[in-house]
C-alpha cells in the first residue's frame, strides 16, 4: 500500500517590496494632486512651468473635492 502526503504551503503575508512600491506611488500621487504648482514640469520646461501649472489645472476640481485649497 502506498501512502502519499500532501503538503500545503500558504503565504498570507504581503511582500514588503510591494508595500514599499505602493506607498511610493501613493505619496507621489498625493504630491501631484495636492501640492504640485509646476514643480514636476519645471524639470523639463523651466520657469514657464510655474506660470502654466499643467498638473494643477488638470487636477483642479479633484483638489477641491479632496479638500486641498489651492487659491
C-alpha atoms as a PDB file:
ATOM      1  CA  UNK A   1       0.000   0.000   0.000  1.00  0.00           C
ATOM      2  CA  UNK A   2       1.309   3.405  -0.943  1.00  0.00           C
ATOM      3  CA  UNK A   3       0.846   6.494   1.207  1.00  0.00           C
ATOM      4  CA  UNK A   4       1.223   9.987  -0.127  1.00  0.00           C
ATOM      5  CA  UNK A   5       1.455  13.110   1.946  1.00  0.00           C
ATOM      6  CA  UNK A   6       0.052  16.365   0.737  1.00  0.00           C
ATOM      7  CA  UNK A   7       2.000  19.403   1.817  1.00  0.00           C
ATOM      8  CA  UNK A   8       0.264  22.737   1.681  1.00  0.00           C
ATOM      9  CA  UNK A   9       2.316  25.894   1.981  1.00  0.00           C
ATOM     10  CA  UNK A  10       0.401  29.103   2.217  1.00  0.00           C
ATOM     11  CA  UNK A  11       1.857  32.566   2.232  1.00  0.00           C
ATOM     12  CA  UNK A  12      -0.590  35.028   3.632  1.00  0.00           C
ATOM     13  CA  UNK A  13       1.713  37.995   4.051  1.00  0.00           C
ATOM     14  CA  UNK A  14       2.114  40.763   1.508  1.00  0.00           C
ATOM     15  CA  UNK A  15       5.684  41.203   0.242  1.00  0.00           C
ATOM     16  CA  UNK A  16       7.398  44.205   1.791  1.00  0.00           C
ATOM     17  CA  UNK A  17       8.684  45.344  -1.596  1.00  0.00           C
ATOM     18  CA  UNK A  18       5.127  45.542  -2.907  1.00  0.00           C
ATOM     19  CA  UNK A  19       4.097  47.660   0.081  1.00  0.00           C
ATOM     20  CA  UNK A  20       7.052  49.970  -0.470  1.00  0.00           C
ATOM     21  CA  UNK A  21       6.223  50.406  -4.155  1.00  0.00           C
ATOM     22  CA  UNK A  22       2.562  51.114  -3.430  1.00  0.00           C
ATOM     23  CA  UNK A  23       3.444  53.601  -0.665  1.00  0.00           C
ATOM     24  CA  UNK A  24       5.801  55.406  -3.040  1.00  0.00           C
ATOM     25  CA  UNK A  25       3.148  55.613  -5.756  1.00  0.00           C
ATOM     26  CA  UNK A  26       0.621  56.847  -3.196  1.00  0.00           C
ATOM     27  CA  UNK A  27       2.966  59.544  -1.862  1.00  0.00           C
ATOM     28  CA  UNK A  28       3.822  60.715  -5.377  1.00  0.00           C
ATOM     29  CA  UNK A  29       0.115  60.828  -6.291  1.00  0.00           C
ATOM     30  CA  UNK A  30      -0.755  62.861  -3.196  1.00  0.00           C
ATOM     31  CA  UNK A  31       2.017  65.311  -4.044  1.00  0.00           C
ATOM     32  CA  UNK A  32       0.846  65.630  -7.636  1.00  0.00           C
ATOM     33  CA  UNK A  33      -2.819  66.117  -6.827  1.00  0.00           C
ATOM     34  CA  UNK A  34      -2.447  68.177  -3.698  1.00  0.00           C
ATOM     35  CA  UNK A  35       0.691  70.233  -3.885  1.00  0.00           C
ATOM     36  CA  UNK A  36       2.184  70.458  -7.372  1.00  0.00           C
ATOM     37  CA  UNK A  37       2.276  74.017  -8.684  1.00  0.00           C
ATOM     38  CA  UNK A  38       4.567  73.367 -11.639  1.00  0.00           C
ATOM     39  CA  UNK A  39       7.446  71.637  -9.852  1.00  0.00           C
ATOM     40  CA  UNK A  40       7.268  68.419 -11.854  1.00  0.00           C
ATOM     41  CA  UNK A  41       7.274  70.032 -15.285  1.00  0.00           C
ATOM     42  CA  UNK A  42       9.837  72.654 -14.251  1.00  0.00           C
ATOM     43  CA  UNK A  43      12.471  69.958 -14.740  1.00  0.00           C
ATOM     44  CA  UNK A  44      11.692  69.980 -18.463  1.00  0.00           C
ATOM     45  CA  UNK A  45      10.093  73.369 -19.177  1.00  0.00           C
ATOM     46  CA  UNK A  46      11.957  75.537 -16.677  1.00  0.00           C
ATOM     47  CA  UNK A  47      10.368  78.653 -15.179  1.00  0.00           C
ATOM     48  CA  UNK A  48       7.490  78.609 -17.700  1.00  0.00           C
ATOM     49  CA  UNK A  49       6.048  75.535 -15.957  1.00  0.00           C
ATOM     50  CA  UNK A  50       5.295  77.623 -12.847  1.00  0.00           C
ATOM     51  CA  UNK A  51       3.204  80.003 -14.948  1.00  0.00           C
ATOM     52  CA  UNK A  52       1.367  77.258 -16.886  1.00  0.00           C
ATOM     53  CA  UNK A  53       0.733  74.799 -13.984  1.00  0.00           C
ATOM     54  CA  UNK A  54      -0.456  71.940 -16.229  1.00  0.00           C
ATOM     55  CA  UNK A  55      -0.930  69.379 -13.445  1.00  0.00           C
ATOM     56  CA  UNK A  56      -2.688  71.954 -11.258  1.00  0.00           C
ATOM     57  CA  UNK A  57      -5.179  72.733 -13.990  1.00  0.00           C
ATOM     58  CA  UNK A  58      -5.793  69.064 -14.795  1.00  0.00           C
ATOM     59  CA  UNK A  59      -6.422  68.129 -11.150  1.00  0.00           C
ATOM     60  CA  UNK A  60      -8.068  71.371 -10.025  1.00  0.00           C
ATOM     61  CA  UNK A  61     -11.560  70.033  -9.328  1.00  0.00           C
ATOM     62  CA  UNK A  62     -10.166  66.876  -7.761  1.00  0.00           C
ATOM     63  CA  UNK A  63      -8.119  69.049  -5.378  1.00  0.00           C
ATOM     64  CA  UNK A  64     -11.219  70.831  -4.125  1.00  0.00           C
ATOM     65  CA  UNK A  65     -13.153  67.561  -3.820  1.00  0.00           C
ATOM     66  CA  UNK A  66     -10.305  66.102  -1.740  1.00  0.00           C
ATOM     67  CA  UNK A  67     -10.165  69.180   0.488  1.00  0.00           C
ATOM     68  CA  UNK A  68      -6.920  70.745  -0.759  1.00  0.00           C
ATOM     69  CA  UNK A  69      -7.184  74.532  -1.000  1.00  0.00           C
ATOM     70  CA  UNK A  70      -5.343  75.957  -3.973  1.00  0.00           C
ATOM     71  CA  UNK A  71      -6.481  79.563  -4.292  1.00  0.00           C
END
